[in-house]
Amino acid sequence: MAKLIKLFIINVLNKWVEDLFMLVGIGFLVYTTYSINITAGNYLVGAVFLLFGFLMAKK
């Protein structure tokens, strides 16, 4: 039973950790771009939302 629970937790964490790292990376990109130039940051946020929209539409 303990092995099954451990395997389940590892599988769930592996799926969530990938998404978490991707979101944190995108967040750093957006924050850095906003600190350099607000207009460029707005364009980057728009591109990120557009990309997420295309990815969700395919599923």
PDB file of N, CA and C in Angstrom:
ATOM      1  N   MET A   1       0.821  -1.194   0.000  1.00  0.00           N
ATOM      2  CA  MET A   1       0.000   0.000   0.000  1.00  0.00           C
ATOM      3  C   MET A   1       0.867   1.261   0.000  1.00  0.00           C
ATOM      4  N   ALA A   2       1.934   1.240   0.802  1.00  0.00           N
ATOM      5  CA  ALA A   2       2.813   2.407   0.879  1.00  0.00           C
ATOM      6  C   ALA A   2       3.516   2.659  -0.450  1.00  0.00           C
ATOM      7  N   LYS A   3       3.886   1.562  -1.133  1.00  0.00           N
ATOM      8  CA  LYS A   3       4.538   1.722  -2.436  1.00  0.00           C
ATOM      9  C   LYS A   3       3.581   2.340  -3.444  1.00  0.00           C
ATOM     10  N   LEU A   4       2.320   1.947  -3.381  1.00  0.00           N
ATOM     11  CA  LEU A   4       1.322   2.490  -4.298  1.00  0.00           C
ATOM     12  C   LEU A   4       1.109   3.985  -4.059  1.00  0.00           C
ATOM     13  N   ILE A   5       1.025   4.357  -2.803  1.00  0.00           N
ATOM     14  CA  ILE A   5       0.856   5.773  -2.468  1.00  0.00           C
ATOM     15  C   ILE A   5       2.090   6.564  -2.888  1.00  0.00           C
ATOM     16  N   LYS A   6       3.274   6.019  -2.635  1.00  0.00           N
ATOM     17  CA  LYS A   6       4.513   6.693  -3.018  1.00  0.00           C
ATOM     18  C   LYS A   6       4.585   6.862  -4.537  1.00  0.00           C
ATOM     19  N   LEU A   7       4.233   5.840  -5.282  1.00  0.00           N
ATOM     20  CA  LEU A   7       4.243   5.902  -6.741  1.00  0.00           C
ATOM     21  C   LEU A   7       3.242   6.930  -7.248  1.00  0.00           C
ATOM     22  N   PHE A   8       2.060   6.987  -6.634  1.00  0.00           N
ATOM     23  CA  PHE A   8       1.042   7.960  -7.021  1.00  0.00           C
ATOM     24  C   PHE A   8       1.524   9.385  -6.780  1.00  0.00           C
ATOM     25  N   ILE A   9       2.120   9.632  -5.621  1.00  0.00           N
ATOM     26  CA  ILE A   9       2.610  10.973  -5.294  1.00  0.00           C
ATOM     27  C   ILE A   9       3.723  11.381  -6.246  1.00  0.00           C
ATOM     28  N   ILE A  10       4.625  10.481  -6.556  1.00  0.00           N
ATOM     29  CA  ILE A  10       5.725  10.792  -7.477  1.00  0.00           C
ATOM     30  C   ILE A  10       5.185  11.116  -8.868  1.00  0.00           C
ATOM     31  N   ASN A  11       4.214  10.338  -9.349  1.00  0.00           N
ATOM     32  CA  ASN A  11       3.650  10.604 -10.670  1.00  0.00           C
ATOM     33  C   ASN A  11       2.920  11.939 -10.713  1.00  0.00           C
ATOM     34  N   VAL A  12       2.157  12.254  -9.692  1.00  0.00           N
ATOM     35  CA  VAL A  12       1.431  13.525  -9.662  1.00  0.00           C
ATOM     36  C   VAL A  12       2.413  14.690  -9.586  1.00  0.00           C
ATOM     37  N   LEU A  13       3.434  14.578  -8.744  1.00  0.00           N
ATOM     38  CA  LEU A  13       4.407  15.661  -8.618  1.00  0.00           C
ATOM     39  C   LEU A  13       5.170  15.877  -9.922  1.00  0.00           C
ATOM     40  N   ASN A  14       5.493  14.793 -10.620  1.00  0.00           N
ATOM     41  CA  ASN A  14       6.205  14.949 -11.886  1.00  0.00           C
ATOM     42  C   ASN A  14       5.368  15.717 -12.897  1.00  0.00           C
ATOM     43  N   LYS A  15       4.067  15.481 -12.920  1.00  0.00           N
ATOM     44  CA  LYS A  15       3.204  16.195 -13.855  1.00  0.00           C
ATOM     45  C   LYS A  15       3.067  17.658 -13.471  1.00  0.00           C
ATOM     46  N   TRP A  16       2.930  17.952 -12.186  1.00  0.00           N
ATOM     47  CA  TRP A  16       2.719  19.322 -11.738  1.00  0.00           C
ATOM     48  C   TRP A  16       3.998  20.140 -11.736  1.00  0.00           C
ATOM     49  N   VAL A  17       5.131  19.497 -11.453  1.00  0.00           N
ATOM     50  CA  VAL A  17       6.393  20.226 -11.370  1.00  0.00           C
ATOM     51  C   VAL A  17       6.781  20.783 -12.738  1.00  0.00           C
ATOM     52  N   GLU A  18       6.545  20.030 -13.803  1.00  0.00           N
ATOM     53  CA  GLU A  18       6.835  20.525 -15.148  1.00  0.00           C
ATOM     54  C   GLU A  18       6.055  21.811 -15.414  1.00  0.00           C
ATOM     55  N   ASP A  19       4.764  21.780 -15.140  1.00  0.00           N
ATOM     56  CA  ASP A  19       3.925  22.959 -15.372  1.00  0.00           C
ATOM     57  C   ASP A  19       4.341  24.119 -14.480  1.00  0.00           C
ATOM     58  N   LEU A  20       4.677  23.827 -13.247  1.00  0.00           N
ATOM     59  CA  LEU A  20       5.096  24.875 -12.322  1.00  0.00           C
ATOM     60  C   LEU A  20       6.369  25.546 -12.812  1.00  0.00           C
ATOM     61  N   PHE A  21       7.352  24.760 -13.249  1.00  0.00           N
ATOM     62  CA  PHE A  21       8.600  25.341 -13.749  1.00  0.00           C
ATOM     63  C   PHE A  21       8.354  26.188 -14.993  1.00  0.00           C
ATOM     64  N   MET A  22       7.473  25.739 -15.870  1.00  0.00           N
ATOM     65  CA  MET A  22       7.166  26.513 -17.067  1.00  0.00           C
ATOM     66  C   MET A  22       6.512  27.840 -16.702  1.00  0.00           C
ATOM     67  N   LEU A  23       5.555  27.807 -15.779  1.00  0.00           N
ATOM     68  CA  LEU A  23       4.872  29.040 -15.374  1.00  0.00           C
ATOM     69  C   LEU A  23       5.811  30.000 -14.655  1.00  0.00           C
ATOM     70  N   VAL A  24       6.698  29.475 -13.821  1.00  0.00           N
ATOM     71  CA  VAL A  24       7.660  30.333 -13.130  1.00  0.00           C
ATOM     72  C   VAL A  24       8.613  30.967 -14.143  1.00  0.00           C
ATOM     73  N   GLY A  25       9.038  30.196 -15.138  1.00  0.00           N
ATOM     74  CA  GLY A  25       9.911  30.740 -16.174  1.00  0.00           C
ATOM     75  C   GLY A  25       9.239  31.836 -16.971  1.00  0.00           C
ATOM     76  N   ILE A  26       7.988  31.620 -17.339  1.00  0.00           N
ATOM     77  CA  ILE A  26       7.245  32.654 -18.064  1.00  0.00           C
ATOM     78  C   ILE A  26       7.052  33.884 -17.180  1.00  0.00           C
ATOM     79  N   GLY A  27       6.797  33.657 -15.912  1.00  0.00           N
ATOM     80  CA  GLY A  27       6.641  34.776 -14.979  1.00  0.00           C
ATOM     81  C   GLY A  27       7.915  35.611 -14.880  1.00  0.00           C
ATOM     82  N   PHE A  28       9.076  34.956 -14.807  1.00  0.00           N
ATOM     83  CA  PHE A  28      10.331  35.694 -14.783  1.00  0.00           C
ATOM     84  C   PHE A  28      10.548  36.484 -16.068  1.00  0.00           C
ATOM     85  N   LEU A  29      10.218  35.893 -17.203  1.00  0.00           N
ATOM     86  CA  LEU A  29      10.358  36.605 -18.477  1.00  0.00           C
ATOM     87  C   LEU A  29       9.473  37.848 -18.515  1.00  0.00           C
ATOM     88  N   VAL A  30       8.238  37.692 -18.084  1.00  0.00           N
ATOM     89  CA  VAL A  30       7.310  38.826 -18.100  1.00  0.00           C
ATOM     90  C   VAL A  30       7.769  39.903 -17.122  1.00  0.00           C
ATOM     91  N   TYR A  31       8.167  39.524 -15.927  1.00  0.00           N
ATOM     92  CA  TYR A  31       8.628  40.502 -14.930  1.00  0.00           C
ATOM     93  C   TYR A  31       9.847  41.273 -15.436  1.00  0.00           C
ATOM     94  N   THR A  32      10.812  40.551 -15.997  1.00  0.00           N
ATOM     95  CA  THR A  32      12.022  41.196 -16.501  1.00  0.00           C
ATOM     96  C   THR A  32      11.703  42.139 -17.646  1.00  0.00           C
ATOM     97  N   THR A  33      10.812  41.712 -18.545  1.00  0.00           N
ATOM     98  CA  THR A  33      10.448  42.557 -19.674  1.00  0.00           C
ATOM     99  C   THR A  33       9.720  43.808 -19.200  1.00  0.00           C
ATOM    100  N   TYR A  34       8.835  43.673 -18.210  1.00  0.00           N
ATOM    101  CA  TYR A  34       8.147  44.845 -17.663  1.00  0.00           C
ATOM    102  C   TYR A  34       9.131  45.803 -16.997  1.00  0.00           C
ATOM    103  N   SER A  35      10.146  45.273 -16.329  1.00  0.00           N
ATOM    104  CA  SER A  35      11.105  46.155 -15.667  1.00  0.00           C
ATOM    105  C   SER A  35      11.967  46.898 -16.682  1.00  0.00           C
ATOM    106  N   ILE A  36      12.153  46.338 -17.867  1.00  0.00           N
ATOM    107  CA  ILE A  36      12.926  47.013 -18.912  1.00  0.00           C
ATOM    108  C   ILE A  36      12.057  48.035 -19.636  1.00  0.00           C
ATOM    109  N   ASN A  37      10.861  47.603 -20.074  1.00  0.00           N
ATOM    110  CA  ASN A  37      10.004  48.488 -20.861  1.00  0.00           C
ATOM    111  C   ASN A  37       8.557  48.019 -20.708  1.00  0.00           C
ATOM    112  N   ILE A  38       7.662  48.910 -20.343  1.00  0.00           N
ATOM    113  CA  ILE A  38       6.268  48.539 -20.090  1.00  0.00           C
ATOM    114  C   ILE A  38       5.567  48.113 -21.378  1.00  0.00           C
ATOM    115  N   THR A  39       5.831  48.807 -22.472  1.00  0.00           N
ATOM    116  CA  THR A  39       5.170  48.470 -23.734  1.00  0.00           C
ATOM    117  C   THR A  39       5.591  47.079 -24.201  1.00  0.00           C
ATOM    118  N   ALA A  40       6.862  46.779 -24.121  1.00  0.00           N
ATOM    119  CA  ALA A  40       7.341  45.450 -24.512  1.00  0.00           C
ATOM    120  C   ALA A  40       6.745  44.387 -23.591  1.00  0.00           C
ATOM    121  N   GLY A  41       6.596  44.707 -22.318  1.00  0.00           N
ATOM    122  CA  GLY A  41       5.978  43.769 -21.381  1.00  0.00           C
ATOM    123  C   GLY A  41       4.538  43.470 -21.738  1.00  0.00           C
ATOM    124  N   ASN A  42       3.804  44.507 -22.159  1.00  0.00           N
ATOM    125  CA  ASN A  42       2.419  44.290 -22.574  1.00  0.00           C
ATOM    126  C   ASN A  42       2.339  43.396 -23.802  1.00  0.00           C
ATOM    127  N   TYR A  43       3.239  43.600 -24.768  1.00  0.00           N
ATOM    128  CA  TYR A  43       3.258  42.739 -25.942  1.00  0.00           C
ATOM    129  C   TYR A  43       3.615  41.298 -25.569  1.00  0.00           C
ATOM    130  N   LEU A  44       4.538  41.128 -24.642  1.00  0.00           N
ATOM    131  CA  LEU A  44       4.920  39.779 -24.214  1.00  0.00           C
ATOM    132  C   LEU A  44       3.755  39.082 -23.517  1.00  0.00           C
ATOM    133  N   VAL A  45       3.036  39.793 -22.656  1.00  0.00           N
ATOM    134  CA  VAL A  45       1.874  39.193 -21.988  1.00  0.00           C
ATOM    135  C   VAL A  45       0.823  38.791 -23.023  1.00  0.00           C
ATOM    136  N   GLY A  46       0.596  39.637 -24.011  1.00  0.00           N
ATOM    137  CA  GLY A  46      -0.343  39.299 -25.077  1.00  0.00           C
ATOM    138  C   GLY A  46       0.091  38.059 -25.837  1.00  0.00           C
ATOM    139  N   ALA A  47       1.376  37.950 -26.131  1.00  0.00           N
ATOM    140  CA  ALA A  47       1.893  36.773 -26.843  1.00  0.00           C
ATOM    141  C   ALA A  47       1.745  35.508 -25.995  1.00  0.00           C
ATOM    142  N   VAL A  48       1.985  35.631 -24.698  1.00  0.00           N
ATOM    143  CA  VAL A  48       1.854  34.474 -23.808  1.00  0.00           C
ATOM    144  C   VAL A  48       0.400  34.013 -23.756  1.00  0.00           C
ATOM    145  N   PHE A  49      -0.538  34.950 -23.614  1.00  0.00           N
ATOM    146  CA  PHE A  49      -1.954  34.576 -23.587  1.00  0.00           C
ATOM    147  C   PHE A  49      -2.394  33.977 -24.914  1.00  0.00           C
ATOM    148  N   LEU A  50      -1.895  34.512 -26.011  1.00  0.00           N
ATOM    149  CA  LEU A  50      -2.218  33.971 -27.324  1.00  0.00           C
ATOM    150  C   LEU A  50      -1.697  32.540 -27.465  1.00  0.00           C
ATOM    151  N   LEU A  51      -0.479  32.307 -27.010  1.00  0.00           N
ATOM    152  CA  LEU A  51       0.101  30.962 -27.059  1.00  0.00           C
ATOM    153  C   LEU A  51      -0.698  29.990 -26.198  1.00  0.00           C
ATOM    154  N   PHE A  52      -1.057  30.403 -24.979  1.00  0.00           N
ATOM    155  CA  PHE A  52      -1.864  29.543 -24.118  1.00  0.00           C
ATOM    156  C   PHE A  52      -3.226  29.255 -24.747  1.00  0.00           C
ATOM    157  N   GLY A  53      -3.796  30.247 -25.394  1.00  0.00           N
ATOM    158  CA  GLY A  53      -5.087  30.055 -26.057  1.00  0.00           C
ATOM    159  C   GLY A  53      -4.987  29.023 -27.174  1.00  0.00           C
ATOM    160  N   PHE A  54      -3.932  29.107 -27.976  1.00  0.00           N
ATOM    161  CA  PHE A  54      -3.753  28.126 -29.046  1.00  0.00           C
ATOM    162  C   PHE A  54      -3.521  26.722 -28.480  1.00  0.00           C
ATOM    163  N   LEU A  55      -2.747  26.633 -27.407  1.00  0.00           N
ATOM    164  CA  LEU A  55      -2.479  25.322 -26.830  1.00  0.00           C
ATOM    165  C   LEU A  55      -3.730  24.702 -26.229  1.00  0.00           C
ATOM    166  N   MET A  56      -4.562  25.511 -25.591  1.00  0.00           N
ATOM    167  CA  MET A  56      -5.805  24.992 -25.006  1.00  0.00           C
ATOM    168  C   MET A  56      -6.813  24.629 -26.067  1.00  0.00           C
ATOM    169  N   ALA A  57      -6.818  25.350 -27.177  1.00  0.00           N
ATOM    170  CA  ALA A  57      -7.771  25.068 -28.245  1.00  0.00           C
ATOM    171  C   ALA A  57      -7.446  23.743 -28.924  1.00  0.00           C
ATOM    172  N   LYS A  58      -6.187  23.351 -28.961  1.00  0.00           N
ATOM    173  CA  LYS A  58      -5.808  22.093 -29.600  1.00  0.00           C
ATOM    174  C   LYS A  58      -6.239  20.890 -28.778  1.00  0.00           C
ATOM    175  N   LYS A  59      -6.375  21.047 -27.473  1.00  0.00           N
ATOM    176  CA  LYS A  59      -6.729  19.911 -26.612  1.00  0.00           C
ATOM    177  C   LYS A  59      -8.178  19.750 -26.557  1.00  0.00           C
TER     178      LYS A  59
END
